[in-house]
N, C-alpha and C. Protein backbone atom coordinates (compact mmCIF):
# COMPACT_ATOMS: atom_id res chain seq x y z
N UNK A 1 -26.90 1.66 20.35
CA UNK A 1 -25.68 2.01 21.03
C UNK A 1 -25.87 1.78 22.53
N UNK A 2 -24.87 1.20 23.15
CA UNK A 2 -24.89 0.93 24.59
C UNK A 2 -24.12 2.03 25.29
N UNK A 3 -24.75 2.73 26.24
CA UNK A 3 -24.01 3.78 26.95
C UNK A 3 -22.97 3.16 27.89
N UNK A 4 -21.84 3.80 27.97
CA UNK A 4 -20.77 3.35 28.86
C UNK A 4 -20.59 4.36 29.98
N UNK A 5 -20.35 3.88 31.17
CA UNK A 5 -20.09 4.76 32.29
C UNK A 5 -18.60 4.69 32.62
N UNK A 6 -17.96 5.83 32.62
CA UNK A 6 -16.55 5.91 32.99
C UNK A 6 -16.38 7.05 33.97
N UNK A 7 -15.30 7.00 34.72
CA UNK A 7 -15.03 8.05 35.70
C UNK A 7 -14.63 9.35 35.00
N UNK A 8 -14.03 9.24 33.85
CA UNK A 8 -13.60 10.42 33.09
C UNK A 8 -13.19 10.00 31.70
N UNK A 9 -13.10 10.96 30.82
CA UNK A 9 -12.74 10.68 29.42
C UNK A 9 -11.23 10.72 29.21
N UNK A 10 -10.50 10.32 30.24
CA UNK A 10 -9.04 10.39 30.19
C UNK A 10 -8.49 9.55 29.04
N UNK A 11 -7.47 10.08 28.39
CA UNK A 11 -6.77 9.39 27.30
C UNK A 11 -7.69 9.08 26.12
N UNK A 12 -8.60 9.99 25.83
CA UNK A 12 -9.49 9.86 24.67
C UNK A 12 -9.49 11.18 23.91
N UNK A 13 -9.98 11.17 22.67
CA UNK A 13 -10.06 12.42 21.90
C UNK A 13 -10.92 13.50 22.58
N UNK A 14 -11.78 13.12 23.50
CA UNK A 14 -12.58 14.11 24.21
C UNK A 14 -11.72 15.05 25.06
N UNK A 15 -10.49 14.67 25.30
CA UNK A 15 -9.57 15.48 26.12
C UNK A 15 -8.77 16.47 25.27
N UNK A 16 -9.10 16.62 23.99
CA UNK A 16 -8.34 17.49 23.09
C UNK A 16 -8.14 18.91 23.64
N UNK A 17 -9.15 19.55 24.24
CA UNK A 17 -8.91 20.89 24.80
C UNK A 17 -7.81 20.89 25.88
N UNK A 18 -7.79 19.86 26.70
CA UNK A 18 -6.75 19.76 27.73
C UNK A 18 -5.39 19.50 27.10
N UNK A 19 -5.36 18.70 26.06
CA UNK A 19 -4.14 18.40 25.33
C UNK A 19 -3.53 19.70 24.80
N UNK A 20 -4.37 20.56 24.21
CA UNK A 20 -3.89 21.82 23.65
C UNK A 20 -3.37 22.76 24.74
N UNK A 21 -4.08 22.83 25.86
CA UNK A 21 -3.64 23.70 26.96
C UNK A 21 -2.34 23.19 27.57
N UNK A 22 -2.20 21.87 27.69
CA UNK A 22 -0.96 21.31 28.21
C UNK A 22 0.19 21.61 27.26
N UNK A 23 -0.04 21.47 25.95
CA UNK A 23 1.00 21.77 24.97
C UNK A 23 1.48 23.22 25.09
N UNK A 24 0.53 24.14 25.30
CA UNK A 24 0.89 25.54 25.49
C UNK A 24 1.73 25.73 26.75
N UNK A 25 1.32 25.11 27.84
CA UNK A 25 2.06 25.23 29.10
C UNK A 25 3.45 24.61 28.97
N UNK A 26 3.55 23.49 28.29
CA UNK A 26 4.86 22.85 28.12
C UNK A 26 5.77 23.68 27.23
N UNK A 27 5.19 24.37 26.23
CA UNK A 27 5.99 25.23 25.36
C UNK A 27 6.61 26.39 26.14
N UNK A 28 5.92 26.82 27.18
CA UNK A 28 6.42 27.92 28.01
C UNK A 28 7.35 27.44 29.12
N UNK A 29 7.40 26.16 29.36
CA UNK A 29 8.20 25.61 30.45
C UNK A 29 9.64 25.35 30.00
N UNK A 30 10.54 25.43 30.95
CA UNK A 30 11.94 25.11 30.69
C UNK A 30 12.13 23.60 30.88
N UNK A 31 12.26 22.89 29.79
CA UNK A 31 12.44 21.43 29.84
C UNK A 31 13.84 21.12 29.35
N UNK A 32 14.56 20.36 30.13
CA UNK A 32 15.92 19.95 29.76
C UNK A 32 15.89 18.56 29.18
N UNK A 33 16.89 18.24 28.39
CA UNK A 33 17.02 16.87 27.89
C UNK A 33 17.24 15.96 29.09
N UNK A 34 16.58 14.81 29.13
CA UNK A 34 16.73 13.93 30.30
C UNK A 34 18.12 13.29 30.37
N UNK A 35 18.55 13.04 31.60
CA UNK A 35 19.83 12.35 31.80
C UNK A 35 19.66 10.84 31.70
N UNK A 36 18.43 10.38 31.92
CA UNK A 36 18.11 8.96 31.77
C UNK A 36 16.91 8.86 30.84
N UNK A 37 16.70 7.71 30.20
CA UNK A 37 15.54 7.58 29.31
C UNK A 37 14.21 7.75 30.05
N UNK A 38 13.27 8.39 29.39
CA UNK A 38 11.91 8.55 29.91
C UNK A 38 11.01 7.72 29.02
N UNK A 39 10.34 6.73 29.61
CA UNK A 39 9.47 5.85 28.85
C UNK A 39 8.08 6.48 28.74
N UNK A 40 7.57 6.51 27.53
CA UNK A 40 6.27 7.12 27.27
C UNK A 40 5.19 6.06 27.18
N UNK A 41 4.03 6.35 27.78
CA UNK A 41 2.89 5.44 27.68
C UNK A 41 2.18 5.55 26.33
N UNK A 42 2.59 6.48 25.48
CA UNK A 42 2.01 6.61 24.14
C UNK A 42 2.56 5.53 23.22
N UNK A 43 3.87 5.30 23.29
CA UNK A 43 4.50 4.35 22.37
C UNK A 43 5.33 3.27 23.05
N UNK A 44 5.40 3.28 24.37
CA UNK A 44 6.14 2.29 25.16
C UNK A 44 7.63 2.28 24.82
N UNK A 45 8.15 3.41 24.38
CA UNK A 45 9.56 3.52 24.03
C UNK A 45 10.28 4.49 24.95
N UNK A 46 11.60 4.28 25.11
CA UNK A 46 12.38 5.23 25.88
C UNK A 46 12.69 6.47 25.03
N UNK A 47 12.64 7.63 25.66
CA UNK A 47 12.93 8.87 24.95
C UNK A 47 14.08 9.59 25.64
N UNK A 48 15.06 10.00 24.86
CA UNK A 48 16.18 10.77 25.37
C UNK A 48 16.38 12.01 24.51
N UNK A 49 15.44 12.26 23.63
CA UNK A 49 15.57 13.30 22.62
C UNK A 49 15.46 14.72 23.13
N UNK A 50 15.15 15.57 22.20
CA UNK A 50 15.10 17.00 22.47
C UNK A 50 13.95 17.34 23.41
N UNK A 51 14.08 18.42 24.14
CA UNK A 51 12.98 18.86 25.00
C UNK A 51 11.68 19.08 24.23
N UNK A 52 11.75 19.55 23.00
CA UNK A 52 10.53 19.76 22.20
C UNK A 52 9.83 18.44 21.93
N UNK A 53 10.59 17.40 21.64
CA UNK A 53 10.01 16.07 21.39
C UNK A 53 9.36 15.52 22.66
N UNK A 54 10.03 15.72 23.77
CA UNK A 54 9.49 15.23 25.05
C UNK A 54 8.20 15.98 25.40
N UNK A 55 8.17 17.29 25.18
CA UNK A 55 6.96 18.07 25.45
C UNK A 55 5.81 17.58 24.57
N UNK A 56 6.09 17.31 23.30
CA UNK A 56 5.05 16.82 22.38
C UNK A 56 4.53 15.46 22.85
N UNK A 57 5.41 14.59 23.26
CA UNK A 57 5.00 13.27 23.72
C UNK A 57 4.15 13.36 24.98
N UNK A 58 4.52 14.25 25.90
CA UNK A 58 3.73 14.44 27.12
C UNK A 58 2.32 14.93 26.79
N UNK A 59 2.21 15.87 25.88
CA UNK A 59 0.89 16.40 25.51
C UNK A 59 0.06 15.33 24.80
N UNK A 60 0.69 14.52 23.99
CA UNK A 60 -0.01 13.46 23.25
C UNK A 60 -0.63 12.44 24.19
N UNK A 61 -0.01 12.20 25.35
CA UNK A 61 -0.52 11.21 26.29
C UNK A 61 -1.92 11.54 26.80
N UNK A 62 -2.32 12.80 26.74
CA UNK A 62 -3.63 13.21 27.24
C UNK A 62 -4.76 12.59 26.41
N UNK A 63 -4.55 12.47 25.10
CA UNK A 63 -5.62 11.99 24.21
C UNK A 63 -5.41 10.58 23.68
N UNK A 64 -4.26 10.00 23.93
CA UNK A 64 -3.96 8.67 23.40
C UNK A 64 -4.17 7.59 24.46
N UNK A 65 -4.43 6.39 24.02
CA UNK A 65 -4.56 5.26 24.93
C UNK A 65 -3.26 5.00 25.67
N UNK A 66 -3.38 4.48 26.86
CA UNK A 66 -2.21 4.18 27.70
C UNK A 66 -1.69 2.80 27.36
N UNK A 67 -0.41 2.72 27.06
CA UNK A 67 0.24 1.43 26.78
C UNK A 67 1.12 1.07 27.98
N UNK A 68 0.51 1.08 29.15
CA UNK A 68 1.26 0.85 30.38
C UNK A 68 1.86 -0.55 30.41
N UNK A 69 1.08 -1.55 30.06
CA UNK A 69 1.58 -2.92 30.05
C UNK A 69 2.78 -3.03 29.11
N UNK A 70 2.66 -2.47 27.91
CA UNK A 70 3.77 -2.50 26.95
C UNK A 70 4.98 -1.74 27.49
N UNK A 71 4.74 -0.63 28.16
CA UNK A 71 5.83 0.16 28.73
C UNK A 71 6.59 -0.63 29.79
N UNK A 72 5.85 -1.30 30.66
CA UNK A 72 6.49 -2.10 31.70
C UNK A 72 7.28 -3.26 31.11
N UNK A 73 6.69 -3.93 30.13
CA UNK A 73 7.39 -5.04 29.49
C UNK A 73 8.66 -4.56 28.78
N UNK A 74 8.60 -3.38 28.17
CA UNK A 74 9.76 -2.82 27.48
C UNK A 74 10.86 -2.50 28.49
N UNK A 75 10.48 -1.89 29.63
CA UNK A 75 11.50 -1.58 30.64
C UNK A 75 12.15 -2.84 31.17
N UNK A 76 11.35 -3.88 31.40
CA UNK A 76 11.93 -5.14 31.88
C UNK A 76 12.85 -5.74 30.82
N UNK A 77 12.46 -5.67 29.55
CA UNK A 77 13.31 -6.18 28.46
C UNK A 77 14.60 -5.38 28.37
N UNK A 78 14.54 -4.11 28.73
CA UNK A 78 15.72 -3.24 28.70
C UNK A 78 16.59 -3.38 29.95
N UNK A 79 16.21 -4.30 30.86
CA UNK A 79 17.05 -4.60 32.01
C UNK A 79 16.61 -4.03 33.34
N UNK A 80 15.51 -3.29 33.39
CA UNK A 80 15.03 -2.79 34.67
C UNK A 80 14.41 -3.95 35.44
N UNK A 81 14.78 -4.07 36.72
CA UNK A 81 14.31 -5.24 37.48
C UNK A 81 13.67 -4.89 38.82
N UNK A 82 13.57 -3.60 39.14
CA UNK A 82 12.95 -3.16 40.37
C UNK A 82 12.15 -1.89 40.07
N UNK A 83 10.94 -1.81 40.62
CA UNK A 83 10.07 -0.67 40.35
C UNK A 83 9.52 -0.11 41.65
N UNK A 84 9.13 1.17 41.60
CA UNK A 84 8.54 1.87 42.74
C UNK A 84 7.26 2.56 42.27
N UNK A 85 6.20 2.38 43.02
CA UNK A 85 4.96 3.11 42.76
C UNK A 85 4.84 4.20 43.80
N UNK A 86 4.85 5.44 43.35
CA UNK A 86 4.81 6.58 44.26
C UNK A 86 3.43 7.21 44.18
N UNK A 87 2.73 7.27 45.30
CA UNK A 87 1.40 7.86 45.34
C UNK A 87 0.47 7.06 46.21
N UNK A 88 -0.79 7.47 46.21
CA UNK A 88 -1.76 6.75 47.05
C UNK A 88 -2.16 5.43 46.40
N UNK A 89 -2.22 4.41 47.17
CA UNK A 89 -2.68 3.12 46.66
C UNK A 89 -1.58 2.25 46.07
N UNK A 90 -2.04 1.09 45.58
CA UNK A 90 -1.11 0.10 45.04
C UNK A 90 -1.63 -0.50 43.73
N UNK A 91 -2.37 0.28 42.98
CA UNK A 91 -2.98 -0.23 41.74
C UNK A 91 -1.90 -0.67 40.75
N UNK A 92 -0.90 0.17 40.53
CA UNK A 92 0.13 -0.17 39.54
C UNK A 92 0.98 -1.35 40.00
N UNK A 93 1.21 -1.45 41.30
CA UNK A 93 1.93 -2.60 41.84
C UNK A 93 1.16 -3.88 41.52
N UNK A 94 -0.15 -3.86 41.70
CA UNK A 94 -0.99 -5.01 41.38
C UNK A 94 -0.97 -5.34 39.90
N UNK A 95 -1.00 -4.31 39.05
CA UNK A 95 -0.95 -4.55 37.60
C UNK A 95 0.39 -5.15 37.18
N UNK A 96 1.46 -4.68 37.80
CA UNK A 96 2.78 -5.24 37.49
C UNK A 96 2.84 -6.72 37.87
N UNK A 97 2.23 -7.08 38.99
CA UNK A 97 2.23 -8.48 39.42
C UNK A 97 1.50 -9.37 38.41
N UNK A 98 0.55 -8.82 37.65
CA UNK A 98 -0.12 -9.60 36.60
C UNK A 98 0.82 -9.87 35.43
N UNK A 99 1.79 -8.98 35.23
CA UNK A 99 2.77 -9.16 34.16
C UNK A 99 3.83 -10.15 34.59
N UNK A 100 4.37 -9.92 35.80
CA UNK A 100 5.45 -10.79 36.31
C UNK A 100 5.43 -10.73 37.84
N UNK A 101 5.00 -11.81 38.45
CA UNK A 101 4.88 -11.88 39.91
C UNK A 101 6.22 -11.72 40.62
N UNK A 102 7.32 -12.05 39.96
CA UNK A 102 8.62 -12.03 40.62
C UNK A 102 9.31 -10.67 40.60
N UNK A 103 8.84 -9.76 39.77
CA UNK A 103 9.48 -8.43 39.68
C UNK A 103 9.10 -7.60 40.90
N UNK A 104 10.11 -7.15 41.66
CA UNK A 104 9.82 -6.37 42.87
C UNK A 104 9.25 -4.99 42.52
N UNK A 105 8.21 -4.60 43.25
CA UNK A 105 7.64 -3.26 43.13
C UNK A 105 7.27 -2.81 44.53
N UNK A 106 7.86 -1.71 44.95
CA UNK A 106 7.61 -1.17 46.27
C UNK A 106 6.68 0.02 46.16
N UNK A 107 5.62 0.01 46.95
CA UNK A 107 4.68 1.12 46.98
C UNK A 107 5.17 2.14 48.00
N UNK A 108 5.34 3.38 47.55
CA UNK A 108 5.79 4.46 48.41
C UNK A 108 4.63 5.44 48.53
N UNK A 109 3.98 5.51 49.71
CA UNK A 109 2.81 6.38 49.86
C UNK A 109 3.16 7.85 49.70
N UNK A 110 2.24 8.61 49.16
CA UNK A 110 2.41 10.06 49.06
C UNK A 110 2.24 10.67 50.44
N UNK A 111 2.93 11.71 50.68
CA UNK A 111 2.83 12.38 51.99
C UNK A 111 1.73 13.39 51.97
């Protein structure tokens, strides 16, 4: 077996304790049905369903692989043509450029 070095066990089964704690916190939170579709990195699909379904999908993202590329491609196929990356850095902007160099993505730094 070859040891692998990673920064963290994010989006792997090793995060199951965090997944369970997040599910508990989301169950106690007031979540409303979204007014616009929310795309999940678990299945790369838009979700407009019940708050319980959205909470379950959010908790599942902790232990499941990220389908970010599929999510971006799905949003573009659904007609989205401009994106914003909010936070420090421009990693996601760079990844989007690998999918489609012409799609505008503006990086908005966190304050």
